[in-house]
Amino acid sequence: MSITHIVMFQFKAGTPSDAIQDVCARMLALKTNCIHPATQQPYITSASGGADNSPEGIQNGISHAFVVEFANVADRDYYVKEDPVHQAFIQSLSGGVIEKAQVVDFTPGVF
């Protein structure tokens, strides 16, 4: 069963737009750069994201969101716990431009 992984960022106040663009580009590049250890092929099935444009006003500071899809739980778990490219991306954000990050994962149709 597929897994949908939603990542949301709030950038620190005053973060330059080029730094935000860099983080967003690197986040989306994970789709190509994360390689499965067994197949030696990219394993993220889809990735998209962008800046918030909701008129509802309940974003609570979140300004950017990304949706990453995996074919199965094992691939998601490898990505979250072990993938060296993903781990390096996370490390690059530590103490940097991110004020808050939120992650929600779900299996479509499972409630």
Protein backbone atom coordinates (compact mmCIF):
# COMPACT_ATOMS: atom_id res chain seq x y z
CA MET A 1 0.00 0.00 0.00
CA SER A 2 1.24 3.45 -0.84
CA ILE A 3 2.21 6.00 1.79
CA THR A 4 1.71 9.76 1.50
CA HIS A 5 4.25 11.84 3.45
CA ILE A 6 3.35 15.51 3.96
CA VAL A 7 6.08 17.92 5.10
CA MET A 8 5.30 21.51 6.09
CA PHE A 9 7.77 24.29 6.90
CA GLN A 10 7.64 27.61 8.66
CA PHE A 11 10.76 29.60 7.79
CA LYS A 12 12.38 31.89 10.34
CA ALA A 13 11.39 35.54 10.05
CA GLY A 14 13.75 37.42 7.77
CA THR A 15 14.91 34.37 5.83
CA PRO A 16 16.03 35.62 2.41
CA SER A 17 13.89 34.41 -0.49
CA ASP A 18 16.91 32.81 -2.19
CA ALA A 19 17.50 30.67 0.92
CA ILE A 20 13.85 29.59 0.90
CA GLN A 21 14.08 28.77 -2.81
CA ASP A 22 17.21 26.70 -2.11
CA VAL A 23 15.53 24.64 0.62
CA CYS A 24 12.47 24.06 -1.56
CA ALA A 25 14.53 23.03 -4.59
CA ARG A 26 16.60 20.64 -2.48
CA MET A 27 13.46 19.18 -0.91
CA LEU A 28 11.97 18.43 -4.33
CA ALA A 29 15.32 17.10 -5.61
CA LEU A 30 15.12 14.30 -3.04
CA LYS A 31 12.81 12.51 -5.49
CA THR A 32 15.72 12.08 -7.88
CA ASN A 33 18.60 11.99 -5.41
CA CYS A 34 17.31 9.39 -2.94
CA ILE A 35 18.42 6.00 -4.25
CA HIS A 36 17.12 2.66 -2.96
CA PRO A 37 19.99 0.51 -1.67
CA ALA A 38 18.70 -2.70 -3.27
CA THR A 39 17.63 -1.43 -6.70
CA GLN A 40 20.06 1.49 -7.02
CA GLN A 41 17.13 3.46 -8.47
CA PRO A 42 15.14 6.44 -7.17
CA TYR A 43 12.27 5.11 -5.06
CA ILE A 44 10.12 8.16 -4.28
CA THR A 45 7.13 7.73 -6.57
CA SER A 46 6.13 11.40 -6.65
CA ALA A 47 6.98 14.71 -5.04
CA SER A 48 5.38 18.12 -5.28
CA GLY A 49 5.21 21.23 -3.19
CA GLY A 50 4.92 24.97 -3.05
CA ALA A 51 4.19 28.10 -1.08
CA ASP A 52 0.92 28.36 0.84
CA ASN A 53 -1.82 30.32 -0.88
CA SER A 54 -4.82 29.41 1.27
CA PRO A 55 -7.24 32.24 2.07
CA GLU A 56 -8.43 30.49 5.26
CA GLY A 57 -5.88 32.06 7.58
CA ILE A 58 -5.33 28.98 9.74
CA GLN A 59 -1.81 28.07 8.62
CA ASN A 60 -0.31 28.84 12.05
CA GLY A 61 2.91 30.09 10.48
CA ILE A 62 3.33 27.26 7.97
CA SER A 63 4.31 28.79 4.65
CA HIS A 64 5.40 25.86 2.44
CA ALA A 65 4.13 22.30 2.02
CA PHE A 66 5.39 19.22 0.20
CA VAL A 67 3.72 15.92 -0.64
CA VAL A 68 6.00 12.93 -1.13
CA GLU A 69 4.65 9.51 -2.05
CA PHE A 70 6.17 6.10 -1.53
CA ALA A 71 5.08 2.73 -2.91
CA ASN A 72 5.10 1.10 0.52
CA VAL A 73 5.85 1.48 4.22
CA ALA A 74 9.32 -0.07 3.87
CA ASP A 75 10.40 2.61 1.39
CA ARG A 76 9.03 5.38 3.61
CA ASP A 77 10.75 3.92 6.64
CA TYR A 78 14.08 3.68 4.81
CA TYR A 79 13.69 7.31 3.71
CA VAL A 80 12.87 8.56 7.21
CA LYS A 81 15.35 6.47 9.19
CA GLU A 82 18.28 5.59 6.93
CA ASP A 83 18.54 7.27 3.53
CA PRO A 84 21.86 9.16 3.66
CA VAL A 85 20.70 11.82 1.18
CA HIS A 86 17.55 12.53 3.20
CA GLN A 87 19.53 12.51 6.45
CA ALA A 88 22.01 15.02 4.97
CA PHE A 89 19.10 17.25 3.89
CA ILE A 90 17.64 17.18 7.42
CA GLN A 91 21.06 17.92 8.91
CA SER A 92 21.49 20.89 6.55
CA LEU A 93 18.34 22.44 8.07
CA SER A 94 19.43 22.06 11.70
CA GLY A 95 19.90 25.45 13.30
CA GLY A 96 19.31 27.14 9.98
CA VAL A 97 16.34 28.76 8.32
CA ILE A 98 13.51 26.52 9.57
CA GLU A 99 11.45 27.80 12.50
CA LYS A 100 9.07 24.84 12.55
CA ALA A 101 8.60 21.64 10.58
CA GLN A 102 5.57 19.36 10.71
CA VAL A 103 5.20 15.92 9.16
CA VAL A 104 2.07 13.84 8.65
CA ASP A 105 2.04 10.44 6.96
CA PHE A 106 -0.99 8.42 5.93
CA THR A 107 -2.10 5.47 3.87
CA PRO A 108 -4.79 6.62 1.43
CA GLY A 109 -8.21 5.36 2.45
CA VAL A 110 -7.14 4.01 5.86
CA PHE A 111 -8.97 5.82 8.67
